Every structure is written in C-alpha cells, then in structure tokens.
C-alpha cells in the first residue's frame, strides 16, 4: 500500500457522477490542490450508504479538493447508488479490481468465496499524486479518522 511521501499508483477507470460515466485518469481527476480517494466494498450495502452519508454530513463534498470513491461495482450500479443516496460525490467503477490491486487493497471477502473487494482505505493526494496521508483497515465498519483526513486536506 502506498504510504505518505510515496507516489500513488496512477490509473484509468470509469468515473460515475450519478448520471453519466466517462474514462478518467487519476491525474486528470485531481484538482489544483489534489484529491481524496475513498476505497469501499459494495455499493448498495448498508455500510457504504452509511459512510457516504457521513462524509456528506461532515462536509467532505465542500472540500477545496475532489473526493472520489473507488469500488468494484459497475458504472450503472455506481450511478444508481449515487442517485439512491442522493450523493454529491463521484465514484470510480473499478470493475476488474485493477485499481484496488495496484493499491494492494484487494482482498477476498470472508464467507464470499471468490468475491474480492478493496479494504476500506482513504488516501489524501497532492496535485502531483503524492500521498500526503494514508489510512486503511481490515474492518468494514470502523470509522475513518475524520479529523486526521480533514487536517491532511487542509494542509494541501
């Protein structure tokens, strides 16, 4: 997994905004000051719905940098999920798991033989794609360290 000070793996994936999806590179998706990548398990899970609502209540959609989710669901499912939860965020559809694998986050889910999703993780990247803050966990329901991530975003 990339750590603070390392270059984040670049990628190209379908970026979903709730209505459309288009191929987008990480480099092109980062804002003038950087961006935040939030890896998560399944769209439409109660866990994902809960966390994306929490990020919105915390004001992450108002950061000066974009916040993107990265999950294994396809683009139509990602867009339907964003519409269902009325989310202001955009999500990368990492259908083949290549992005999660590049970040060394792809794991087989317990009790779901052959199903692989990324572990939960958050990366704060500067405008050149260098990791400024990294957090990951094997726990699907542990809260993210919001204050640490918010401070890292402020420091960009």
Protein backbone atom coordinates (compact mmCIF):
# COMPACT_ATOMS: atom_id res chain seq x y z
CA UNK A 1 0.00 0.00 0.00
CA UNK A 2 1.30 3.47 -0.76
CA UNK A 3 2.32 5.45 2.29
CA UNK A 4 2.81 9.17 2.95
CA UNK A 5 5.51 10.60 0.71
CA UNK A 6 5.12 7.95 -1.99
CA UNK A 7 3.59 8.43 -5.41
CA UNK A 8 0.08 6.98 -5.59
CA UNK A 9 -0.40 4.43 -8.36
CA UNK A 10 -1.92 6.09 -11.40
CA UNK A 11 -4.95 4.54 -13.04
CA UNK A 12 -7.73 4.99 -15.54
CA UNK A 13 -11.27 3.91 -14.69
CA UNK A 14 -14.87 4.90 -15.33
CA UNK A 15 -15.80 7.91 -13.20
CA UNK A 16 -19.50 7.95 -12.32
CA UNK A 17 -21.37 11.09 -11.25
CA UNK A 18 -24.86 9.67 -10.74
CA UNK A 19 -25.94 10.28 -14.33
CA UNK A 20 -23.04 9.58 -16.67
CA UNK A 21 -19.72 7.79 -16.64
CA UNK A 22 -16.53 8.51 -18.54
CA UNK A 23 -13.00 7.17 -18.60
CA UNK A 24 -10.87 9.34 -16.36
CA UNK A 25 -7.27 9.09 -15.22
CA UNK A 26 -6.35 9.81 -11.64
CA UNK A 27 -4.03 12.54 -12.87
CA UNK A 28 -6.86 14.29 -14.71
CA UNK A 29 -9.29 13.81 -11.81
CA UNK A 30 -7.11 15.51 -9.20
CA UNK A 31 -7.90 19.15 -8.55
CA UNK A 32 -5.47 22.06 -8.45
CA UNK A 33 -4.54 21.12 -4.88
CA UNK A 34 -5.05 17.35 -5.06
CA UNK A 35 -7.85 14.98 -4.11
CA UNK A 36 -9.08 12.26 -1.80
CA UNK A 37 -9.63 8.59 -2.72
CA UNK A 38 -12.00 6.58 -0.55
CA UNK A 39 -11.92 2.82 -1.22
CA UNK A 40 -15.02 0.90 -0.18
CA UNK A 41 -16.63 -2.53 -0.53
CA UNK A 42 -20.05 -2.72 -2.18
CA UNK A 43 -22.40 -0.05 -3.47
CA UNK A 44 -25.91 -0.55 -2.07
CA UNK A 45 -24.59 -2.10 1.14
CA UNK A 46 -25.82 -0.55 4.36
CA UNK A 47 -22.18 0.06 5.29
CA UNK A 48 -21.42 2.03 2.10
CA UNK A 49 -24.63 4.01 2.35
CA UNK A 50 -23.87 4.88 5.97
CA UNK A 51 -20.30 6.00 5.27
CA UNK A 52 -21.13 8.13 2.21
CA UNK A 53 -23.89 9.87 4.17
CA UNK A 54 -21.40 10.50 7.00
CA UNK A 55 -18.86 12.01 4.57
CA UNK A 56 -21.55 14.32 3.24
CA UNK A 57 -22.72 15.34 6.75
CA UNK A 58 -19.07 16.04 7.61
CA UNK A 59 -18.89 18.43 4.64
CA UNK A 60 -16.37 16.45 2.60
CA UNK A 61 -18.19 17.45 -0.59
CA UNK A 62 -17.26 21.06 0.26
CA UNK A 63 -13.50 20.42 0.44
CA UNK A 64 -11.36 22.50 -1.90
CA UNK A 65 -10.33 19.19 -3.46
CA UNK A 66 -12.49 16.47 -5.02
CA UNK A 67 -13.39 13.36 -3.02
CA UNK A 68 -13.81 10.19 -5.08
CA UNK A 69 -14.94 6.75 -4.09
CA UNK A 70 -13.36 3.63 -5.58
CA UNK A 71 -15.39 0.41 -5.59
CA UNK A 72 -15.81 -2.79 -7.59
CA UNK A 73 -19.37 -2.26 -8.82
CA UNK A 74 -20.06 -1.48 -12.47
CA UNK A 75 -20.82 2.04 -13.70
CA UNK A 76 -24.59 1.58 -13.96
CA UNK A 77 -24.74 0.29 -10.38
CA UNK A 78 -22.49 3.13 -9.17
CA UNK A 79 -24.72 5.73 -10.80
CA UNK A 80 -27.87 4.11 -9.41
CA UNK A 81 -26.28 4.03 -5.95
CA UNK A 82 -25.34 7.72 -6.12
CA UNK A 83 -28.90 8.60 -7.19
CA UNK A 84 -30.47 6.43 -4.49
CA UNK A 85 -28.49 8.07 -1.69
CA UNK A 86 -28.66 11.50 -3.39
CA UNK A 87 -24.90 11.87 -3.10
CA UNK A 88 -22.81 14.85 -4.26
CA UNK A 89 -19.74 12.61 -4.72
CA UNK A 90 -18.41 10.78 -7.77
CA UNK A 91 -17.24 7.17 -7.76
CA UNK A 92 -14.69 5.28 -9.82
CA UNK A 93 -16.01 1.93 -11.07
CA UNK A 94 -13.05 -0.40 -10.56
CA UNK A 95 -14.87 -3.28 -12.23
CA UNK A 96 -11.85 -5.57 -12.64
CA UNK A 97 -10.28 -4.63 -9.31
CA UNK A 98 -7.13 -3.33 -11.01
CA UNK A 99 -7.12 -0.06 -9.07
CA UNK A 100 -7.60 -1.77 -5.70
CA UNK A 101 -4.92 -4.29 -6.65
CA UNK A 102 -2.48 -1.50 -7.60
CA UNK A 103 -3.02 -0.04 -4.11
CA UNK A 104 -2.57 -3.51 -2.56
CA UNK A 105 -6.07 -3.35 -1.10
CA UNK A 106 -7.86 -6.16 -2.95
CA UNK A 107 -8.94 -8.94 -0.58
CA UNK A 108 -11.30 -11.89 -0.69
CA UNK A 109 -14.35 -11.27 1.44
CA UNK A 110 -14.93 -13.71 4.31
CA UNK A 111 -17.77 -16.07 3.57
CA UNK A 112 -17.95 -14.95 -0.07
CA UNK A 113 -15.70 -17.39 -1.91
CA UNK A 114 -14.15 -15.77 -4.95
CA UNK A 115 -15.53 -12.28 -4.25
CA UNK A 116 -12.81 -9.65 -3.95
CA UNK A 117 -13.26 -6.03 -2.94
CA UNK A 118 -10.89 -3.36 -1.68
CA UNK A 119 -10.28 -2.99 2.01
CA UNK A 120 -11.54 0.31 3.33
CA UNK A 121 -8.89 2.96 2.84
CA UNK A 122 -8.56 6.71 2.39
CA UNK A 123 -5.70 8.48 0.61
CA UNK A 124 -5.18 12.23 0.56
CA UNK A 125 -3.13 13.13 -2.50
CA UNK A 126 -1.49 16.39 -3.52
CA UNK A 127 -1.86 17.79 -7.04
CA UNK A 128 1.03 15.64 -8.29
CA UNK A 129 -0.46 12.42 -6.88
CA UNK A 130 1.90 12.14 -3.92
CA UNK A 131 0.30 10.57 -0.86
CA UNK A 132 0.06 13.11 1.94
CA UNK A 133 -2.00 10.91 4.27
CA UNK A 134 -2.91 7.22 4.13
CA UNK A 135 -5.35 5.22 6.24
CA UNK A 136 -6.55 1.65 5.76
CA UNK A 137 -8.26 -1.04 7.81
CA UNK A 138 -9.31 -4.65 7.61
CA UNK A 139 -12.52 -3.77 9.47
CA UNK A 140 -15.55 -3.00 7.33
CA UNK A 141 -17.38 -0.89 9.92
CA UNK A 142 -14.63 1.02 11.78
CA UNK A 143 -14.99 4.78 11.35
CA UNK A 144 -12.37 6.61 9.34
CA UNK A 145 -10.19 9.04 11.32
CA UNK A 146 -12.12 12.06 10.05
CA UNK A 147 -10.10 14.70 11.87
CA UNK A 148 -6.78 13.34 10.55
CA UNK A 149 -8.10 13.25 7.00
CA UNK A 150 -9.62 16.73 7.27
CA UNK A 151 -6.32 18.10 8.63
CA UNK A 152 -4.42 16.46 5.77
CA UNK A 153 -6.79 18.07 3.26
CA UNK A 154 -6.34 21.47 4.93
CA UNK A 155 -2.56 21.07 4.67
CA UNK A 156 -2.61 20.61 0.89
